[in-house]
C-alpha atoms as a PDB file:
ATOM      1  CA  MET A   1       0.000   0.000   0.000  1.00  0.00           C
ATOM      2  CA  ALA A   2       2.827   2.418   0.805  1.00  0.00           C
ATOM      3  CA  ALA A   3       4.311   1.904  -2.671  1.00  0.00           C
ATOM      4  CA  ARG A   4       1.017   2.877  -4.332  1.00  0.00           C
ATOM      5  CA  GLN A   5       0.565   5.913  -2.073  1.00  0.00           C
ATOM      6  CA  LEU A   6       4.128   7.083  -2.706  1.00  0.00           C
ATOM      7  CA  ALA A   7       3.652   6.605  -6.444  1.00  0.00           C
ATOM      8  CA  SER A   8       0.574   8.841  -6.312  1.00  0.00           C
ATOM      9  CA  LEU A   9       2.516  11.524  -4.412  1.00  0.00           C
ATOM     10  CA  ASP A  10       5.283  11.255  -6.988  1.00  0.00           C
ATOM     11  CA  GLN A  11       2.748  11.908  -9.742  1.00  0.00           C
ATOM     12  CA  LEU A  12       1.346  14.932  -7.893  1.00  0.00           C
ATOM     13  CA  SER A  13       4.857  16.363  -7.430  1.00  0.00           C
ATOM     14  CA  ASP A  14       5.743  15.754 -11.098  1.00  0.00           C
ATOM     15  CA  GLY A  15       8.474  13.288 -10.208  1.00  0.00           C
ATOM     16  CA  ARG A  16      10.163  15.257  -7.435  1.00  0.00           C
ATOM     17  CA  LEU A  17       9.402  12.793  -4.629  1.00  0.00           C
ATOM     18  CA  ALA A  18      12.337  11.541  -2.559  1.00  0.00           C
ATOM     19  CA  VAL A  19      11.814   8.928   0.151  1.00  0.00           C
ATOM     20  CA  HIS A  20      14.093   8.370   3.131  1.00  0.00           C
ATOM     21  CA  ILE A  21      13.510   5.222   5.165  1.00  0.00           C
ATOM     22  CA  ILE A  22      14.693   5.247   8.791  1.00  0.00           C
ATOM     23  CA  THR A  23      15.369   1.796  10.200  1.00  0.00           C
ATOM     24  CA  GLY A  24      15.000   2.853  13.828  1.00  0.00           C
ATOM     25  CA  GLY A  25      16.936   3.807  16.903  1.00  0.00           C
ATOM     26  CA  SER A  26      18.257   1.701  19.710  1.00  0.00           C
ATOM     27  CA  ASP A  27      16.807  -1.691  20.589  1.00  0.00           C
ATOM     28  CA  GLU A  28      15.319  -0.125  23.733  1.00  0.00           C
ATOM     29  CA  GLU A  29      13.576   2.648  21.793  1.00  0.00           C
ATOM     30  CA  GLN A  30      12.172   0.200  19.276  1.00  0.00           C
ATOM     31  CA  GLY A  31      10.993  -2.123  22.047  1.00  0.00           C
ATOM     32  CA  ARG A  32       8.940   0.696  23.559  1.00  0.00           C
ATOM     33  CA  ASP A  33       7.079   0.838  20.240  1.00  0.00           C
ATOM     34  CA  GLY A  34       6.555  -2.920  20.079  1.00  0.00           C
ATOM     35  CA  ASP A  35       9.411  -3.726  17.657  1.00  0.00           C
ATOM     36  CA  PHE A  36      11.624  -6.336  19.298  1.00  0.00           C
ATOM     37  CA  LEU A  37      13.845  -7.179  16.347  1.00  0.00           C
ATOM     38  CA  THR A  38      17.561  -6.622  16.797  1.00  0.00           C
ATOM     39  CA  LYS A  39      19.214  -3.782  14.925  1.00  0.00           C
ATOM     40  CA  ASP A  40      20.705  -6.267  12.435  1.00  0.00           C
ATOM     41  CA  GLU A  41      17.259  -7.761  11.819  1.00  0.00           C
ATOM     42  CA  ARG A  42      15.764  -4.289  11.343  1.00  0.00           C
ATOM     43  CA  TYR A  43      18.389  -3.489   8.695  1.00  0.00           C
ATOM     44  CA  ASP A  44      17.595  -6.748   6.919  1.00  0.00           C
ATOM     45  CA  ARG A  45      13.874  -5.950   7.110  1.00  0.00           C
ATOM     46  CA  THR A  46      14.505  -2.497   5.630  1.00  0.00           C
ATOM     47  CA  ASP A  47      16.480  -4.014   2.753  1.00  0.00           C
ATOM     48  CA  GLU A  48      13.612  -6.381   2.005  1.00  0.00           C
ATOM     49  CA  TYR A  49      11.070  -3.538   2.285  1.00  0.00           C
ATOM     50  CA  LEU A  50      12.999  -1.474  -0.270  1.00  0.00           C
ATOM     51  CA  ASP A  51      13.168  -4.477  -2.611  1.00  0.00           C
ATOM     52  CA  VAL A  52       9.371  -4.915  -2.418  1.00  0.00           C
ATOM     53  CA  LEU A  53       8.816  -1.174  -3.019  1.00  0.00           C
ATOM     54  CA  LYS A  54      11.000  -1.221  -6.117  1.00  0.00           C
ATOM     55  CA  LYS A  55       9.323  -4.392  -7.449  1.00  0.00           C
ATOM     56  CA  THR A  56       5.928  -2.756  -6.975  1.00  0.00           C
ATOM     57  CA  TRP A  57       7.009   0.304  -8.946  1.00  0.00           C
ATOM     58  CA  THR A  58       8.775  -1.535 -11.761  1.00  0.00           C
ATOM     59  CA  SER A  59       6.925  -4.815 -12.362  1.00  0.00           C
ATOM     60  CA  ALA A  60       5.111  -5.041 -15.670  1.00  0.00           C
ATOM     61  CA  GLY A  61       2.356  -7.061 -14.014  1.00  0.00           C
ATOM     62  CA  PRO A  62       1.277  -8.499 -10.680  1.00  0.00           C
ATOM     63  CA  PHE A  63       4.005 -10.278  -8.713  1.00  0.00           C
ATOM     64  CA  ASP A  64       4.335 -12.372  -5.576  1.00  0.00           C
ATOM     65  CA  HIS A  65       7.001 -11.910  -2.926  1.00  0.00           C
ATOM     66  CA  GLU A  66       7.650 -14.252  -0.037  1.00  0.00           C
ATOM     67  CA  GLY A  67      10.524 -13.123   2.124  1.00  0.00           C
ATOM     68  CA  ARG A  68      11.571 -13.325   5.721  1.00  0.00           C
ATOM     69  CA  TYR A  69       9.605 -10.222   6.774  1.00  0.00           C
ATOM     70  CA  TYR A  70       7.082  -9.540   3.997  1.00  0.00           C
ATOM     71  CA  MET A  71       4.736 -11.595   1.878  1.00  0.00           C
ATOM     72  CA  VAL A  72       2.590 -10.122  -0.888  1.00  0.00           C
ATOM     73  CA  LYS A  73       0.395 -11.808  -3.474  1.00  0.00           C
ATOM     74  CA  ASP A  74      -0.533 -10.292  -6.844  1.00  0.00           C
ATOM     75  CA  SER A  75       0.990  -6.924  -5.939  1.00  0.00           C
ATOM     76  CA  PHE A  76       0.827  -4.309  -8.688  1.00  0.00           C
ATOM     77  CA  ALA A  77       0.790  -0.539  -9.010  1.00  0.00           C
ATOM     78  CA  ALA A  78      -0.578   0.924 -12.240  1.00  0.00           C
ATOM     79  CA  VAL A  79       0.795   4.378 -11.340  1.00  0.00           C
ATOM     80  CA  ARG A  80       4.359   4.835 -12.642  1.00  0.00           C
ATOM     81  CA  PRO A  81       6.995   7.530 -12.194  1.00  0.00           C
ATOM     82  CA  PRO A  82       6.453  10.535 -14.460  1.00  0.00           C
ATOM     83  CA  GLN A  83       8.262  10.088 -17.787  1.00  0.00           C
ATOM     84  CA  GLY A  84       9.653   6.730 -16.639  1.00  0.00           C
ATOM     85  CA  ARG A  85      11.995   8.192 -14.011  1.00  0.00           C
ATOM     86  CA  ARG A  86      12.873   6.152 -10.964  1.00  0.00           C
ATOM     87  CA  ARG A  87      12.048   7.500  -7.522  1.00  0.00           C
ATOM     88  CA  ARG A  88      14.880   8.447  -5.246  1.00  0.00           C
ATOM     89  CA  LEU A  89      15.085   6.138  -2.220  1.00  0.00           C
ATOM     90  CA  SER A  90      17.561   6.262   0.596  1.00  0.00           C
ATOM     91  CA  ALA A  91      17.776   4.408   3.863  1.00  0.00           C
ATOM     92  CA  SER A  92      19.906   5.412   6.809  1.00  0.00           C
ATOM     93  CA  ALA A  93      21.658   2.371   8.092  1.00  0.00           C
ATOM     94  CA  PRO A  94      25.137   3.395   9.270  1.00  0.00           C
ATOM     95  CA  ARG A  95      26.457   1.101  11.958  1.00  0.00           C
ATOM     96  CA  LEU A  96      29.366  -0.938  13.165  1.00  0.00           C
ATOM     97  CA  SER A  97      28.375  -4.499  13.951  1.00  0.00           C
ATOM     98  CA  ALA A  98      30.774  -7.414  14.266  1.00  0.00           C
ATOM     99  CA  GLY A  99      33.391  -5.306  12.491  1.00  0.00           C
ATOM    100  CA  THR A 100      31.146  -4.621   9.492  1.00  0.00           C
ATOM    101  CA  ASN A 101      30.154  -1.110   8.482  1.00  0.00           C
ATOM    102  CA  ARG A 102      26.805  -1.028   6.710  1.00  0.00           C
ATOM    103  CA  PRO A 103      26.629   2.340   4.931  1.00  0.00           C
ATOM    104  CA  THR A 104      23.596   4.283   3.856  1.00  0.00           C
ATOM    105  CA  ARG A 105      21.847   2.472   1.022  1.00  0.00           C
ATOM    106  CA  GLU A 106      20.834   4.857  -1.709  1.00  0.00           C
ATOM    107  CA  THR A 107      19.039   4.101  -4.949  1.00  0.00           C
ATOM    108  CA  HIS A 108      18.401   6.575  -7.741  1.00  0.00           C
END
């Protein structure tokens, strides 16, 4: 549903929509809001969410997705970016975990 709503906003703004996805704060903060995934799991969930958004915006027809965090059946959005442009997506995910730096993921 978010992909279709964002596509409509993109149409209204004549293709100037930019979306920034925030994965969340500390485990304690997220827990207060009912999200008990670890930070690593939240980053993985965000990656999957962005993949589903992009599939929704680019698929020529309905598609299914069955992942670890999301499952959709026959998802499709008839609304496309103005003049075929891709929406700008970015997700803040800087962190140091087990010696691995996961930088901000940005898609144009």
